């Protein structure tokens, strides 16, 4: 069961989504190859989510959420502009001190199928 992710602030403008279809390629002679999908869920997205200029409390909240998942937990989040939420995992994140009590936070999300 995936947990809904409701950050204290939406990710910063510029949230991007990349997709790299997973395929199997079989090479034949003379440079010819045949490609086919590798499984049934071959077009899963990756998202580098980032937050700029967070308060310490907001950075703590986001970091605690991902630490609580421990890299293996799943969460749902709806990317702005998309019709529905997707299920994600987060296996890496970075918290950066900016100055004073301001922080930035970046997390790498990978879409998963339950």
C-alpha atoms as a PDB file:
ATOM      1  CA  UNK A   1       0.000   0.000   0.000  1.00  0.00           C
ATOM      2  CA  UNK A   2       1.439   3.350  -1.022  1.00  0.00           C
ATOM      3  CA  UNK A   3       1.362   6.406   1.222  1.00  0.00           C
ATOM      4  CA  UNK A   4       0.165   9.734  -0.198  1.00  0.00           C
ATOM      5  CA  UNK A   5       2.916  12.354  -0.291  1.00  0.00           C
ATOM      6  CA  UNK A   6       1.661  15.811   0.643  1.00  0.00           C
ATOM      7  CA  UNK A   7       4.727  18.031   1.018  1.00  0.00           C
ATOM      8  CA  UNK A   8       4.415  21.304   2.932  1.00  0.00           C
ATOM      9  CA  UNK A   9       5.075  23.064  -0.391  1.00  0.00           C
ATOM     10  CA  UNK A  10       4.775  21.869  -3.978  1.00  0.00           C
ATOM     11  CA  UNK A  11       8.093  21.183  -5.720  1.00  0.00           C
ATOM     12  CA  UNK A  12       9.687  24.206  -7.341  1.00  0.00           C
ATOM     13  CA  UNK A  13       8.712  25.269 -10.837  1.00  0.00           C
ATOM     14  CA  UNK A  14      10.400  23.225 -13.522  1.00  0.00           C
ATOM     15  CA  UNK A  15       9.443  19.727 -12.320  1.00  0.00           C
ATOM     16  CA  UNK A  16      10.487  17.530 -15.218  1.00  0.00           C
ATOM     17  CA  UNK A  17       9.628  13.969 -16.127  1.00  0.00           C
ATOM     18  CA  UNK A  18      11.830  11.701 -18.216  1.00  0.00           C
ATOM     19  CA  UNK A  19      10.947   8.328 -19.704  1.00  0.00           C
ATOM     20  CA  UNK A  20      13.404   5.829 -21.130  1.00  0.00           C
ATOM     21  CA  UNK A  21      11.498   2.875 -22.606  1.00  0.00           C
ATOM     22  CA  UNK A  22      12.936  -0.477 -21.538  1.00  0.00           C
ATOM     23  CA  UNK A  23      13.571  -2.618 -24.613  1.00  0.00           C
ATOM     24  CA  UNK A  24      15.388  -5.782 -25.585  1.00  0.00           C
ATOM     25  CA  UNK A  25      17.483  -5.564 -28.719  1.00  0.00           C
ATOM     26  CA  UNK A  26      18.677  -8.638 -30.590  1.00  0.00           C
ATOM     27  CA  UNK A  27      21.508  -7.933 -33.044  1.00  0.00           C
ATOM     28  CA  UNK A  28      21.767  -9.861 -36.302  1.00  0.00           C
ATOM     29  CA  UNK A  29      24.377  -9.703 -39.045  1.00  0.00           C
ATOM     30  CA  UNK A  30      25.060  -6.662 -41.239  1.00  0.00           C
ATOM     31  CA  UNK A  31      23.979  -4.187 -38.535  1.00  0.00           C
ATOM     32  CA  UNK A  32      20.352  -5.305 -38.466  1.00  0.00           C
ATOM     33  CA  UNK A  33      18.658  -5.645 -35.074  1.00  0.00           C
ATOM     34  CA  UNK A  34      15.191  -6.391 -33.819  1.00  0.00           C
ATOM     35  CA  UNK A  35      13.794  -4.460 -30.839  1.00  0.00           C
ATOM     36  CA  UNK A  36      10.880  -5.420 -28.602  1.00  0.00           C
ATOM     37  CA  UNK A  37       9.449  -4.183 -25.285  1.00  0.00           C
ATOM     38  CA  UNK A  38      11.083  -5.709 -22.186  1.00  0.00           C
ATOM     39  CA  UNK A  39       8.020  -6.685 -20.154  1.00  0.00           C
ATOM     40  CA  UNK A  40       4.579  -5.126 -19.834  1.00  0.00           C
ATOM     41  CA  UNK A  41       5.448  -1.892 -17.979  1.00  0.00           C
ATOM     42  CA  UNK A  42       8.246  -0.580 -20.138  1.00  0.00           C
ATOM     43  CA  UNK A  43       7.638   3.169 -20.024  1.00  0.00           C
ATOM     44  CA  UNK A  44       8.030   4.197 -16.394  1.00  0.00           C
ATOM     45  CA  UNK A  45       8.891   7.790 -15.567  1.00  0.00           C
ATOM     46  CA  UNK A  46      11.706   9.322 -13.527  1.00  0.00           C
ATOM     47  CA  UNK A  47      11.374  12.706 -11.848  1.00  0.00           C
ATOM     48  CA  UNK A  48      14.014  14.872 -10.194  1.00  0.00           C
ATOM     49  CA  UNK A  49      11.851  16.803  -7.710  1.00  0.00           C
ATOM     50  CA  UNK A  50      13.378  19.846  -6.061  1.00  0.00           C
ATOM     51  CA  UNK A  51      12.379  22.485  -3.578  1.00  0.00           C
ATOM     52  CA  UNK A  52      14.210  25.803  -3.331  1.00  0.00           C
ATOM     53  CA  UNK A  53      14.478  28.034  -0.282  1.00  0.00           C
ATOM     54  CA  UNK A  54      12.684  25.863   2.271  1.00  0.00           C
ATOM     55  CA  UNK A  55      12.399  26.692   5.913  1.00  0.00           C
ATOM     56  CA  UNK A  56      14.166  24.296   8.261  1.00  0.00           C
ATOM     57  CA  UNK A  57      10.809  22.873   9.393  1.00  0.00           C
ATOM     58  CA  UNK A  58       9.651  22.221   5.810  1.00  0.00           C
ATOM     59  CA  UNK A  59      13.000  20.597   4.902  1.00  0.00           C
ATOM     60  CA  UNK A  60      12.727  18.447   8.046  1.00  0.00           C
ATOM     61  CA  UNK A  61       9.192  17.356   7.075  1.00  0.00           C
ATOM     62  CA  UNK A  62      10.189  16.327   3.534  1.00  0.00           C
ATOM     63  CA  UNK A  63      13.351  14.575   4.702  1.00  0.00           C
ATOM     64  CA  UNK A  64      11.495  12.719   7.468  1.00  0.00           C
ATOM     65  CA  UNK A  65       8.945  11.467   4.921  1.00  0.00           C
ATOM     66  CA  UNK A  66      11.618   9.950   2.665  1.00  0.00           C
ATOM     67  CA  UNK A  67      13.638   8.612   5.600  1.00  0.00           C
ATOM     68  CA  UNK A  68      10.466   6.944   6.885  1.00  0.00           C
ATOM     69  CA  UNK A  69      10.083   5.129   3.564  1.00  0.00           C
ATOM     70  CA  UNK A  70      13.692   3.956   3.839  1.00  0.00           C
ATOM     71  CA  UNK A  71      14.182   3.716   0.082  1.00  0.00           C
ATOM     72  CA  UNK A  72      11.822   0.740  -0.165  1.00  0.00           C
ATOM     73  CA  UNK A  73       8.451   2.307   0.619  1.00  0.00           C
ATOM     74  CA  UNK A  74       6.100   3.565  -2.062  1.00  0.00           C
ATOM     75  CA  UNK A  75       4.196   6.827  -2.212  1.00  0.00           C
ATOM     76  CA  UNK A  76       1.643   8.432  -4.489  1.00  0.00           C
ATOM     77  CA  UNK A  77       1.963  11.910  -5.911  1.00  0.00           C
ATOM     78  CA  UNK A  78       0.190  13.723  -8.712  1.00  0.00           C
ATOM     79  CA  UNK A  79       2.535  15.714 -10.922  1.00  0.00           C
ATOM     80  CA  UNK A  80       1.043  19.136 -11.717  1.00  0.00           C
ATOM     81  CA  UNK A  81      -0.783  19.035 -15.032  1.00  0.00           C
ATOM     82  CA  UNK A  82      -1.372  15.270 -15.003  1.00  0.00           C
ATOM     83  CA  UNK A  83      -4.833  13.726 -14.674  1.00  0.00           C
ATOM     84  CA  UNK A  84      -4.060  11.331 -11.827  1.00  0.00           C
ATOM     85  CA  UNK A  85      -1.510  10.390  -9.210  1.00  0.00           C
ATOM     86  CA  UNK A  86       1.224   7.836  -9.906  1.00  0.00           C
ATOM     87  CA  UNK A  87       3.088   5.543  -7.520  1.00  0.00           C
ATOM     88  CA  UNK A  88       6.756   6.338  -6.892  1.00  0.00           C
ATOM     89  CA  UNK A  89       9.800   5.242  -4.927  1.00  0.00           C
ATOM     90  CA  UNK A  90      12.615   7.504  -3.788  1.00  0.00           C
ATOM     91  CA  UNK A  91      16.038   5.946  -3.274  1.00  0.00           C
ATOM     92  CA  UNK A  92      18.152   9.103  -3.111  1.00  0.00           C
ATOM     93  CA  UNK A  93      17.775  12.682  -1.929  1.00  0.00           C
ATOM     94  CA  UNK A  94      19.968  15.622  -1.051  1.00  0.00           C
ATOM     95  CA  UNK A  95      19.400  18.402   1.441  1.00  0.00           C
ATOM     96  CA  UNK A  96      21.505  21.527   0.965  1.00  0.00           C
ATOM     97  CA  UNK A  97      21.976  24.370   3.406  1.00  0.00           C
ATOM     98  CA  UNK A  98      21.702  27.687   1.569  1.00  0.00           C
ATOM     99  CA  UNK A  99      22.265  30.350   4.224  1.00  0.00           C
ATOM    100  CA  UNK A 100      20.744  31.280   7.519  1.00  0.00           C
ATOM    101  CA  UNK A 101      17.918  28.810   8.074  1.00  0.00           C
ATOM    102  CA  UNK A 102      17.051  28.209   4.397  1.00  0.00           C
ATOM    103  CA  UNK A 103      17.515  24.884   2.632  1.00  0.00           C
ATOM    104  CA  UNK A 104      17.026  23.298  -0.761  1.00  0.00           C
ATOM    105  CA  UNK A 105      16.003  19.696  -1.188  1.00  0.00           C
ATOM    106  CA  UNK A 106      16.272  17.407  -4.231  1.00  0.00           C
ATOM    107  CA  UNK A 107      14.868  13.887  -4.523  1.00  0.00           C
ATOM    108  CA  UNK A 108      15.064  11.369  -7.363  1.00  0.00           C
ATOM    109  CA  UNK A 109      11.756   9.572  -7.910  1.00  0.00           C
ATOM    110  CA  UNK A 110      11.176   6.475 -10.014  1.00  0.00           C
ATOM    111  CA  UNK A 111       7.703   5.338 -11.007  1.00  0.00           C
ATOM    112  CA  UNK A 112       6.700   1.857  -9.853  1.00  0.00           C
ATOM    113  CA  UNK A 113       3.804  -0.438 -10.640  1.00  0.00           C
ATOM    114  CA  UNK A 114       2.070  -2.166  -7.766  1.00  0.00           C
END
